[in-house]
Amino acid sequence: RTKLENPTLYAYEAGAIYEGLRQPERAIDEYTRGALTAEDASPAWSRLLRLARRPAYRELVDRASAAAVDGTAPSMAAVALRIAVLETQDRRDDIERFLVTLLERTSLALMTDVGSHAERLGFESVRTRALARQIESMSDPIEKLQLRYALVRLYELRGELDAARKAVEALYAEHPRIVGVVRQTADFYWRH
């Protein structure tokens, strides 16, 4: 590790050694480092999730994954690891809470990632909030319009037609001369 200047090199192997020596804290630390480097394809990732199910290691893995996402800008790998640990431990409420709090303190790229995790896990309110936060943060007007129409489609899919209608009417009021906006508005009213 010192010679190659790679502190996560052989993290899985080091974790297995510490696990064999009955040093669970150090083993979890090594597995976490390896999992954050290689994500879900690594043996360290798989071992960490396997240990997350065991009562003796459950709290240690939870603390390690929570520590990985502390701070203002956690990496996408750390977020994916935290969600995987919580999913493995069947803690859906904690996943939803984590995603909501993450949305309030994160970058635009991570907001998109949070939205895709929310969609995969079926948290529609979090997905809606992720789109709303992306719209607030977006500076490009064209991408902002696209995101606003994605939010309209999300409202339609969920059956919230009043919210969708208000969003479409707000877009039309702001941009009545843009042909795409007029067409989207007409299409919305045609569908509903």
C-alpha atoms as a PDB file:
ATOM      1  CA  ARG A   1       0.000   0.000   0.000  1.00  0.00           C
ATOM      2  CA  THR A   2       2.794   2.423   0.872  1.00  0.00           C
ATOM      3  CA  LYS A   3       4.887   1.598  -2.175  1.00  0.00           C
ATOM      4  CA  LEU A   4       1.970   1.937  -4.606  1.00  0.00           C
ATOM      5  CA  GLU A   5       0.390   4.818  -2.648  1.00  0.00           C
ATOM      6  CA  ASN A   6      -2.968   3.052  -2.629  1.00  0.00           C
ATOM      7  CA  PRO A   7      -4.435   2.829   0.898  1.00  0.00           C
ATOM      8  CA  THR A   8      -7.335   0.638  -0.256  1.00  0.00           C
ATOM      9  CA  LEU A   9      -5.235  -1.991  -2.012  1.00  0.00           C
ATOM     10  CA  TYR A  10      -6.108  -5.496  -0.777  1.00  0.00           C
ATOM     11  CA  ALA A  11      -8.851  -4.122   1.467  1.00  0.00           C
ATOM     12  CA  TYR A  12     -10.862  -7.327   1.225  1.00  0.00           C
ATOM     13  CA  GLU A  13      -7.895  -9.479   2.118  1.00  0.00           C
ATOM     14  CA  ALA A  14      -6.908  -7.217   5.023  1.00  0.00           C
ATOM     15  CA  GLY A  15     -10.491  -7.267   6.278  1.00  0.00           C
ATOM     16  CA  ALA A  16     -10.526 -11.065   6.141  1.00  0.00           C
ATOM     17  CA  ILE A  17      -7.291 -11.184   8.146  1.00  0.00           C
ATOM     18  CA  TYR A  18      -8.688  -8.847  10.807  1.00  0.00           C
ATOM     19  CA  GLU A  19     -11.900 -10.835  10.877  1.00  0.00           C
ATOM     20  CA  GLY A  20      -9.865 -14.002  11.457  1.00  0.00           C
ATOM     21  CA  LEU A  21      -7.977 -12.257  14.263  1.00  0.00           C
ATOM     22  CA  ARG A  22     -11.311 -11.390  15.906  1.00  0.00           C
ATOM     23  CA  GLN A  23     -10.899  -7.652  15.365  1.00  0.00           C
ATOM     24  CA  PRO A  24     -14.324  -6.752  13.916  1.00  0.00           C
ATOM     25  CA  GLU A  25     -13.880  -2.942  13.977  1.00  0.00           C
ATOM     26  CA  ARG A  26     -10.717  -3.093  11.891  1.00  0.00           C
ATOM     27  CA  ALA A  27     -12.249  -5.674   9.549  1.00  0.00           C
ATOM     28  CA  ILE A  28     -15.315  -3.509   8.936  1.00  0.00           C
ATOM     29  CA  ASP A  29     -13.065  -0.488   8.364  1.00  0.00           C
ATOM     30  CA  GLU A  30     -11.086  -2.371   5.697  1.00  0.00           C
ATOM     31  CA  TYR A  31     -14.199  -3.754   4.015  1.00  0.00           C
ATOM     32  CA  THR A  32     -15.733  -0.270   3.967  1.00  0.00           C
ATOM     33  CA  ARG A  33     -12.638   1.225   2.338  1.00  0.00           C
ATOM     34  CA  GLY A  34     -12.654  -1.510  -0.285  1.00  0.00           C
ATOM     35  CA  ALA A  35     -16.384  -1.154  -0.908  1.00  0.00           C
ATOM     36  CA  LEU A  36     -16.126   2.612  -1.392  1.00  0.00           C
ATOM     37  CA  THR A  37     -13.362   2.169  -3.945  1.00  0.00           C
ATOM     38  CA  ALA A  38     -14.830  -0.562  -6.132  1.00  0.00           C
ATOM     39  CA  GLU A  39     -18.558  -0.263  -5.283  1.00  0.00           C
ATOM     40  CA  ASP A  40     -20.948  -3.197  -5.742  1.00  0.00           C
ATOM     41  CA  ALA A  41     -18.679  -5.366  -7.881  1.00  0.00           C
ATOM     42  CA  SER A  42     -16.074  -5.901  -5.170  1.00  0.00           C
ATOM     43  CA  PRO A  43     -15.804  -8.791  -2.739  1.00  0.00           C
ATOM     44  CA  ALA A  44     -15.418  -6.220   0.065  1.00  0.00           C
ATOM     45  CA  TRP A  45     -18.862  -4.802  -0.813  1.00  0.00           C
ATOM     46  CA  SER A  46     -20.439  -8.269  -0.763  1.00  0.00           C
ATOM     47  CA  ARG A  47     -18.769  -9.231   2.500  1.00  0.00           C
ATOM     48  CA  LEU A  48     -19.801  -5.975   4.167  1.00  0.00           C
ATOM     49  CA  LEU A  49     -23.439  -6.549   3.220  1.00  0.00           C
ATOM     50  CA  ARG A  50     -23.252 -10.146   4.414  1.00  0.00           C
ATOM     51  CA  LEU A  51     -21.902  -8.950   7.768  1.00  0.00           C
ATOM     52  CA  ALA A  52     -24.642  -6.282   7.952  1.00  0.00           C
ATOM     53  CA  ARG A  53     -27.160  -9.111   8.418  1.00  0.00           C
ATOM     54  CA  ARG A  54     -25.321 -10.675  11.363  1.00  0.00           C
ATOM     55  CA  PRO A  55     -26.349  -9.457  14.814  1.00  0.00           C
ATOM     56  CA  ALA A  56     -22.741  -9.200  16.060  1.00  0.00           C
ATOM     57  CA  TYR A  57     -21.678  -6.964  13.156  1.00  0.00           C
ATOM     58  CA  ARG A  58     -24.944  -5.169  12.410  1.00  0.00           C
ATOM     59  CA  GLU A  59     -24.253  -2.041  14.452  1.00  0.00           C
ATOM     60  CA  LEU A  60     -20.604  -1.810  13.341  1.00  0.00           C
ATOM     61  CA  VAL A  61     -21.528  -1.932   9.651  1.00  0.00           C
ATOM     62  CA  ASP A  62     -24.314   0.585  10.227  1.00  0.00           C
ATOM     63  CA  ARG A  63     -21.934   3.030  11.919  1.00  0.00           C
ATOM     64  CA  ALA A  64     -19.285   2.587   9.210  1.00  0.00           C
ATOM     65  CA  SER A  65     -21.749   3.238   6.379  1.00  0.00           C
ATOM     66  CA  ALA A  66     -23.226   6.231   8.224  1.00  0.00           C
ATOM     67  CA  ALA A  67     -19.744   7.678   8.756  1.00  0.00           C
ATOM     68  CA  ALA A  68     -19.026   7.329   5.028  1.00  0.00           C
ATOM     69  CA  VAL A  69     -21.904   9.695   4.154  1.00  0.00           C
ATOM     70  CA  ASP A  70     -21.193  12.303   6.825  1.00  0.00           C
ATOM     71  CA  GLY A  71     -20.234  15.742   5.626  1.00  0.00           C
ATOM     72  CA  THR A  72     -21.631  18.139   3.105  1.00  0.00           C
ATOM     73  CA  ALA A  73     -20.783  16.287  -0.111  1.00  0.00           C
ATOM     74  CA  PRO A  74     -20.621  12.499   0.242  1.00  0.00           C
ATOM     75  CA  SER A  75     -19.551  10.480  -2.776  1.00  0.00           C
ATOM     76  CA  MET A  76     -22.071   8.557  -4.859  1.00  0.00           C
ATOM     77  CA  ALA A  77     -20.334   5.338  -3.826  1.00  0.00           C
ATOM     78  CA  ALA A  78     -20.819   6.200  -0.140  1.00  0.00           C
ATOM     79  CA  VAL A  79     -24.505   6.958  -0.735  1.00  0.00           C
ATOM     80  CA  ALA A  80     -24.971   3.697  -2.633  1.00  0.00           C
ATOM     81  CA  LEU A  81     -23.225   1.796   0.176  1.00  0.00           C
ATOM     82  CA  ARG A  82     -25.402   3.405   2.867  1.00  0.00           C
ATOM     83  CA  ILE A  83     -28.578   2.584   0.931  1.00  0.00           C
ATOM     84  CA  ALA A  84     -27.393  -0.998   0.336  1.00  0.00           C
ATOM     85  CA  VAL A  85     -26.663  -1.488   4.051  1.00  0.00           C
ATOM     86  CA  LEU A  86     -30.047  -0.087   5.072  1.00  0.00           C
ATOM     87  CA  GLU A  87     -31.755  -2.205   2.410  1.00  0.00           C
ATOM     88  CA  THR A  88     -29.942  -5.321   3.604  1.00  0.00           C
ATOM     89  CA  GLN A  89     -31.098  -4.615   7.142  1.00  0.00           C
ATOM     90  CA  ASP A  90     -34.733  -4.071   5.967  1.00  0.00           C
ATOM     91  CA  ARG A  91     -34.910  -0.476   7.186  1.00  0.00           C
ATOM     92  CA  ARG A  92     -37.064   1.200   4.525  1.00  0.00           C
ATOM     93  CA  ASP A  93     -38.131   4.072   6.782  1.00  0.00           C
ATOM     94  CA  ASP A  94     -34.502   4.881   7.487  1.00  0.00           C
ATOM     95  CA  ILE A  95     -33.705   4.809   3.764  1.00  0.00           C
ATOM     96  CA  GLU A  96     -36.470   7.298   3.050  1.00  0.00           C
ATOM     97  CA  ARG A  97     -35.343   9.588   5.889  1.00  0.00           C
ATOM     98  CA  PHE A  98     -31.751   9.353   4.702  1.00  0.00           C
ATOM     99  CA  LEU A  99     -32.669  10.272   1.121  1.00  0.00           C
ATOM    100  CA  VAL A 100     -34.766  13.254   2.233  1.00  0.00           C
ATOM    101  CA  THR A 101     -32.019  14.655   4.472  1.00  0.00           C
ATOM    102  CA  LEU A 102     -29.443  14.033   1.759  1.00  0.00           C
ATOM    103  CA  LEU A 103     -31.469  16.083  -0.730  1.00  0.00           C
ATOM    104  CA  GLU A 104     -31.228  19.155   1.477  1.00  0.00           C
ATOM    105  CA  ARG A 105     -27.427  19.196   1.596  1.00  0.00           C
ATOM    106  CA  THR A 106     -26.232  17.830  -1.704  1.00  0.00           C
ATOM    107  CA  SER A 107     -25.032  18.777  -5.183  1.00  0.00           C
ATOM    108  CA  LEU A 108     -27.025  18.630  -8.409  1.00  0.00           C
ATOM    109  CA  ALA A 109     -25.337  15.407  -9.577  1.00  0.00           C
ATOM    110  CA  LEU A 110     -26.121  13.681  -6.315  1.00  0.00           C
ATOM    111  CA  MET A 111     -29.737  14.927  -6.451  1.00  0.00           C
ATOM    112  CA  THR A 112     -30.136  13.034  -9.731  1.00  0.00           C
ATOM    113  CA  ASP A 113     -28.634   9.935  -8.128  1.00  0.00           C
ATOM    114  CA  VAL A 114     -30.960  10.264  -5.115  1.00  0.00           C
ATOM    115  CA  GLY A 115     -33.914  10.576  -7.503  1.00  0.00           C
ATOM    116  CA  SER A 116     -32.963   7.364  -9.284  1.00  0.00           C
ATOM    117  CA  HIS A 117     -32.550   5.518  -5.963  1.00  0.00           C
ATOM    118  CA  ALA A 118     -35.964   6.843  -4.862  1.00  0.00           C
ATOM    119  CA  GLU A 119     -37.534   5.665  -8.121  1.00  0.00           C
ATOM    120  CA  ARG A 120     -35.976   2.200  -7.801  1.00  0.00           C
ATOM    121  CA  LEU A 121     -37.126   1.846  -4.192  1.00  0.00           C
ATOM    122  CA  GLY A 122     -40.627   3.251  -4.811  1.00  0.00           C
ATOM    123  CA  PHE A 123     -40.363   6.433  -2.728  1.00  0.00           C
ATOM    124  CA  GLU A 124     -42.489   8.702  -4.900  1.00  0.00           C
ATOM    125  CA  SER A 125     -42.505  11.641  -2.469  1.00  0.00           C
ATOM    126  CA  VAL A 126     -38.698  11.589  -2.354  1.00  0.00           C
ATOM    127  CA  ARG A 127     -38.564  11.362  -6.136  1.00  0.00           C
ATOM    128  CA  THR A 128     -40.867  14.374  -6.409  1.00  0.00           C
ATOM    129  CA  ARG A 129     -38.734  16.307  -3.923  1.00  0.00           C
ATOM    130  CA  ALA A 130     -35.568  15.358  -5.843  1.00  0.00           C
ATOM    131  CA  LEU A 131     -37.036  16.725  -9.074  1.00  0.00           C
ATOM    132  CA  ALA A 132     -38.165  19.905  -7.304  1.00  0.00           C
ATOM    133  CA  ARG A 133     -34.667  20.403  -5.826  1.00  0.00           C
ATOM    134  CA  GLN A 134     -33.083  19.821  -9.245  1.00  0.00           C
ATOM    135  CA  ILE A 135     -35.396  22.422 -10.761  1.00  0.00           C
ATOM    136  CA  GLU A 136     -34.452  24.912  -8.027  1.00  0.00           C
ATOM    137  CA  SER A 137     -30.733  24.297  -8.558  1.00  0.00           C
ATOM    138  CA  MET A 138     -30.709  24.206 -12.356  1.00  0.00           C
ATOM    139  CA  SER A 139     -29.349  27.275 -14.123  1.00  0.00           C
ATOM    140  CA  ASP A 140     -29.811  26.166 -17.754  1.00  0.00           C
ATOM    141  CA  PRO A 141     -33.342  27.241 -18.825  1.00  0.00           C
ATOM    142  CA  ILE A 142     -33.825  24.391 -21.304  1.00  0.00           C
ATOM    143  CA  GLU A 143     -32.837  21.699 -18.812  1.00  0.00           C
ATOM    144  CA  LYS A 144     -35.039  23.426 -16.257  1.00  0.00           C
ATOM    145  CA  LEU A 145     -38.031  23.165 -18.637  1.00  0.00           C
ATOM    146  CA  GLN A 146     -37.277  19.491 -19.245  1.00  0.00           C
ATOM    147  CA  LEU A 147     -37.155  18.809 -15.519  1.00  0.00           C
ATOM    148  CA  ARG A 148     -40.395  20.683 -14.954  1.00  0.00           C
ATOM    149  CA  TYR A 149     -42.116  18.547 -17.600  1.00  0.00           C
ATOM    150  CA  ALA A 150     -40.617  15.425 -15.991  1.00  0.00           C
ATOM    151  CA  LEU A 151     -42.278  16.570 -12.774  1.00  0.00           C
ATOM    152  CA  VAL A 152     -45.587  17.004 -14.631  1.00  0.00           C
ATOM    153  CA  ARG A 153     -45.306  13.446 -15.999  1.00  0.00           C
ATOM    154  CA  LEU A 154     -44.557  12.180 -12.503  1.00  0.00           C
ATOM    155  CA  TYR A 155     -47.681  13.903 -11.184  1.00  0.00           C
ATOM    156  CA  GLU A 156     -49.695  12.351 -14.010  1.00  0.00           C
ATOM    157  CA  LEU A 157     -48.351   8.857 -13.298  1.00  0.00           C
ATOM    158  CA  ARG A 158     -49.293   9.201  -9.642  1.00  0.00           C
ATOM    159  CA  GLY A 159     -52.798  10.411 -10.551  1.00  0.00           C
ATOM    160  CA  GLU A 160     -52.272  13.897  -9.101  1.00  0.00           C
ATOM    161  CA  LEU A 161     -53.932  15.654 -12.008  1.00  0.00           C
ATOM    162  CA  ASP A 162     -54.571  18.927 -10.137  1.00  0.00           C
ATOM    163  CA  ALA A 163     -50.870  19.316  -9.364  1.00  0.00           C
ATOM    164  CA  ALA A 164     -49.992  18.384 -12.952  1.00  0.00           C
ATOM    165  CA  ARG A 165     -52.519  20.883 -14.346  1.00  0.00           C
ATOM    166  CA  LYS A 166     -51.175  23.681 -12.136  1.00  0.00           C
ATOM    167  CA  ALA A 167     -47.613  22.917 -13.220  1.00  0.00           C
ATOM    168  CA  VAL A 168     -48.577  22.874 -16.917  1.00  0.00           C
ATOM    169  CA  GLU A 169     -50.516  26.120 -16.590  1.00  0.00           C
ATOM    170  CA  ALA A 170     -47.594  27.772 -14.776  1.00  0.00           C
ATOM    171  CA  LEU A 171     -45.240  26.720 -17.548  1.00  0.00           C
ATOM    172  CA  TYR A 172     -47.615  28.008 -20.211  1.00  0.00           C
ATOM    173  CA  ALA A 173     -48.057  31.310 -18.364  1.00  0.00           C
ATOM    174  CA  GLU A 174     -44.290  31.776 -18.211  1.00  0.00           C
ATOM    175  CA  HIS A 175     -43.562  30.730 -21.816  1.00  0.00           C
ATOM    176  CA  PRO A 176     -46.673  31.254 -23.995  1.00  0.00           C
ATOM    177  CA  ARG A 177     -44.663  31.811 -27.196  1.00  0.00           C
ATOM    178  CA  ILE A 178     -42.484  28.720 -27.120  1.00  0.00           C
ATOM    179  CA  VAL A 179     -43.942  26.166 -29.529  1.00  0.00           C
ATOM    180  CA  GLY A 180     -42.854  23.169 -27.438  1.00  0.00           C
ATOM    181  CA  VAL A 181     -44.593  24.560 -24.352  1.00  0.00           C
ATOM    182  CA  VAL A 182     -47.784  25.220 -26.312  1.00  0.00           C
ATOM    183  CA  ARG A 183     -47.660  21.709 -27.758  1.00  0.00           C
ATOM    184  CA  GLN A 184     -47.072  20.118 -24.327  1.00  0.00           C
ATOM    185  CA  THR A 185     -49.964  22.110 -22.873  1.00  0.00           C
ATOM    186  CA  ALA A 186     -52.300  21.067 -25.689  1.00  0.00           C
ATOM    187  CA  ASP A 187     -51.186  17.442 -25.352  1.00  0.00           C
ATOM    188  CA  PHE A 188     -51.814  17.528 -21.587  1.00  0.00           C
ATOM    189  CA  TYR A 189     -55.355  18.840 -22.049  1.00  0.00           C
ATOM    190  CA  TRP A 190     -55.984  16.345 -24.852  1.00  0.00           C
ATOM    191  CA  ARG A 191     -54.951  13.460 -22.564  1.00  0.00           C
ATOM    192  CA  HIS A 192     -57.061  14.704 -19.657  1.00  0.00           C
END
